[in-house]
Amino acid sequence: MSERQALRIVELIALVAIMALALGLRLGLPEVVEFRQDEANLSLLARQMAQGRLFPLHSIDSSVGVLQPPALLYYFLPPYLLSSDPLLATQYMGAMAALAVLLSYFLVRRYFGVMAAVCAAALFAASPWAVFFSRKLWPADQLALLTVVTFGTGMIGLLEG
């Protein structure tokens, strides 16, 4: 086995460990997920949309009384197409946040190298606030994945044309 192959194996082991940490923290103990009025209202709207009873022009109210756009409901729609259980929706959010960790690893690896990617993904996987917000159905929770995708497409467009 060459040194290059050995480094690839170490990198793969690190990535598997990081993803195990990310998935464990985001999907573990689903029965202790915080679920309040905002989450219930969002869940109800998404469930009604999945059942074909509602085509909303807005989402839930923000804390200052402004109606939020309905794009958030489309983000939460896939789990409600399968089940009306909000627990599945919170698990879906955790899975999307773990996907953000994985995509951030590949994004950072592409432009800054393996060591930076391992450090960034490990910090993202273990960050308490990232974990906390990935375990809720709340408007800001979809930002992790969308931010990584936005930065990724921006970097590709800027640096690779």
Protein backbone atom coordinates (compact mmCIF):
# COMPACT_ATOMS: atom_id res chain seq x y z
CA MET A 1 0.00 0.00 0.00
CA SER A 2 1.39 3.36 -0.99
CA GLU A 3 1.51 6.39 1.26
CA ARG A 4 -1.16 8.07 -0.85
CA GLN A 5 -3.54 5.14 -0.37
CA ALA A 6 -2.86 5.14 3.37
CA LEU A 7 -3.69 8.85 3.56
CA ARG A 8 -6.91 8.24 1.63
CA ILE A 9 -7.92 5.55 4.12
CA VAL A 10 -7.18 7.87 7.06
CA GLU A 11 -9.22 10.60 5.38
CA LEU A 12 -12.12 8.20 4.82
CA ILE A 13 -12.01 7.05 8.45
CA ALA A 14 -12.03 10.69 9.61
CA LEU A 15 -14.99 11.48 7.35
CA VAL A 16 -16.93 8.44 8.58
CA ALA A 17 -16.24 9.43 12.20
CA ILE A 18 -17.33 13.02 11.55
CA MET A 19 -20.53 11.89 9.85
CA ALA A 20 -21.27 9.40 12.65
CA LEU A 21 -20.90 12.27 15.13
CA ALA A 22 -23.07 14.59 13.02
CA LEU A 23 -25.80 11.99 12.52
CA GLY A 24 -25.70 10.85 16.14
CA LEU A 25 -26.05 14.35 17.53
CA ARG A 26 -28.73 15.39 15.04
CA LEU A 27 -30.84 12.23 14.91
CA GLY A 28 -30.26 10.69 18.34
CA LEU A 29 -32.91 10.84 21.07
CA PRO A 30 -35.69 12.21 18.84
CA GLU A 31 -38.17 12.14 21.74
CA VAL A 32 -36.42 15.08 23.44
CA VAL A 33 -36.73 17.50 20.51
CA GLU A 34 -38.20 20.89 21.39
CA PHE A 35 -41.65 21.34 19.83
CA ARG A 36 -43.55 24.56 20.55
CA GLN A 37 -46.25 26.68 18.93
CA ASP A 38 -44.17 27.81 15.92
CA GLU A 39 -43.16 24.24 15.17
CA ALA A 40 -46.76 23.06 15.56
CA ASN A 41 -48.11 25.77 13.24
CA LEU A 42 -45.45 25.06 10.62
CA SER A 43 -46.10 21.35 10.93
CA LEU A 44 -49.84 21.85 10.49
CA LEU A 45 -49.39 23.98 7.37
CA ALA A 46 -46.94 21.52 5.81
CA ARG A 47 -49.22 18.58 6.61
CA GLN A 48 -52.24 20.34 5.09
CA MET A 49 -50.20 21.14 2.00
CA ALA A 50 -49.03 17.51 1.72
CA GLN A 51 -52.65 16.34 1.93
CA GLY A 52 -53.66 18.72 -0.85
CA ARG A 53 -55.99 20.77 1.37
CA LEU A 54 -53.98 23.98 1.31
CA PHE A 55 -51.79 25.90 -1.09
CA PRO A 56 -50.36 28.62 1.17
CA LEU A 57 -49.29 32.04 0.02
CA HIS A 58 -47.29 32.50 3.23
CA SER A 59 -45.83 30.51 6.08
CA ILE A 60 -46.04 31.24 9.80
CA ASP A 61 -45.80 34.70 11.37
CA SER A 62 -42.41 35.99 12.43
CA SER A 63 -41.85 37.35 15.93
CA VAL A 64 -42.44 40.90 14.66
CA GLY A 65 -45.71 39.94 12.98
CA VAL A 66 -44.51 39.78 9.38
CA LEU A 67 -45.66 36.75 7.42
CA GLN A 68 -42.82 34.54 6.23
CA PRO A 69 -42.64 33.32 2.62
CA PRO A 70 -44.00 29.86 1.76
CA ALA A 71 -40.68 28.49 0.48
CA LEU A 72 -40.04 27.19 3.98
CA LEU A 73 -43.09 24.95 3.71
CA TYR A 74 -41.77 23.39 0.51
CA TYR A 75 -38.55 22.57 2.36
CA PHE A 76 -40.53 20.78 5.09
CA LEU A 77 -42.93 19.07 2.67
CA PRO A 78 -41.11 15.75 1.87
CA PRO A 79 -41.53 14.13 5.32
CA TYR A 80 -45.20 15.09 5.43
CA LEU A 81 -45.76 13.40 2.09
CA LEU A 82 -44.76 10.16 3.84
CA SER A 83 -46.35 10.62 7.26
CA SER A 84 -48.20 13.19 9.34
CA ASP A 85 -45.89 12.50 12.29
CA PRO A 86 -43.86 15.63 13.17
CA LEU A 87 -41.15 13.38 14.60
CA LEU A 88 -40.33 12.24 11.06
CA ALA A 89 -40.11 15.90 10.02
CA THR A 90 -37.63 16.68 12.81
CA GLN A 91 -35.57 13.65 11.79
CA TYR A 92 -35.67 14.94 8.21
CA MET A 93 -34.32 18.29 9.41
CA GLY A 94 -31.53 16.51 11.26
CA ALA A 95 -30.67 14.51 8.14
CA MET A 96 -30.58 17.68 6.02
CA ALA A 97 -28.28 19.31 8.59
CA ALA A 98 -26.00 16.25 8.51
CA LEU A 99 -25.98 16.54 4.72
CA ALA A 100 -24.81 20.14 5.21
CA VAL A 101 -21.88 18.83 7.27
CA LEU A 102 -20.97 16.39 4.49
CA LEU A 103 -21.26 19.01 1.75
CA SER A 104 -19.19 21.47 3.78
CA TYR A 105 -16.48 18.81 4.04
CA PHE A 106 -16.35 18.37 0.26
CA LEU A 107 -16.54 22.12 -0.38
CA VAL A 108 -13.68 22.94 1.98
CA ARG A 109 -11.64 19.96 0.73
CA ARG A 110 -11.99 21.14 -2.85
CA TYR A 111 -10.60 24.62 -2.21
CA PHE A 112 -8.50 24.37 0.97
CA GLY A 113 -7.36 20.76 1.35
CA VAL A 114 -8.03 17.70 3.46
CA MET A 115 -6.83 19.02 6.83
CA ALA A 116 -8.97 22.14 6.59
CA ALA A 117 -11.95 20.03 5.50
CA VAL A 118 -11.60 17.63 8.41
CA CYS A 119 -11.30 20.52 10.89
CA ALA A 120 -14.22 22.48 9.42
CA ALA A 121 -16.53 19.47 9.19
CA ALA A 122 -15.63 18.28 12.70
CA LEU A 123 -16.33 21.71 14.16
CA PHE A 124 -19.60 21.95 12.22
CA ALA A 125 -20.63 18.44 13.28
CA ALA A 126 -19.98 19.12 16.97
CA SER A 127 -21.07 22.77 17.18
CA PRO A 128 -23.71 23.02 19.92
CA TRP A 129 -25.75 25.69 18.15
CA ALA A 130 -25.66 23.86 14.84
CA VAL A 131 -26.85 20.71 16.60
CA PHE A 132 -29.55 22.54 18.58
CA PHE A 133 -31.03 24.27 15.55
CA SER A 134 -30.87 21.14 13.42
CA ARG A 135 -33.21 19.38 15.84
CA LYS A 136 -36.14 21.77 15.45
CA LEU A 137 -38.79 22.64 12.91
CA TRP A 138 -38.24 26.34 12.76
CA PRO A 139 -37.70 28.83 9.93
CA ALA A 140 -33.98 29.35 10.52
CA ASP A 141 -33.24 25.63 10.63
CA GLN A 142 -33.01 25.15 6.88
CA LEU A 143 -30.24 27.74 6.64
CA ALA A 144 -27.35 25.34 7.29
CA LEU A 145 -27.88 23.33 4.12
CA LEU A 146 -28.91 26.30 2.03
CA THR A 147 -25.87 28.30 3.17
CA VAL A 148 -23.44 25.52 2.28
CA VAL A 149 -25.08 25.05 -1.12
CA THR A 150 -25.03 28.81 -1.74
CA PHE A 151 -21.35 29.13 -0.80
CA GLY A 152 -20.52 26.07 -2.87
CA THR A 153 -22.20 27.34 -6.00
CA GLY A 154 -20.71 30.79 -5.40
CA MET A 155 -17.19 29.38 -5.09
CA ILE A 156 -17.62 27.27 -8.22
CA GLY A 157 -18.95 30.24 -10.15
CA LEU A 158 -16.31 32.64 -8.88
CA LEU A 159 -13.24 30.43 -9.09
CA GLU A 160 -14.09 28.04 -11.88
CA GLY A 161 -16.29 30.18 -14.08
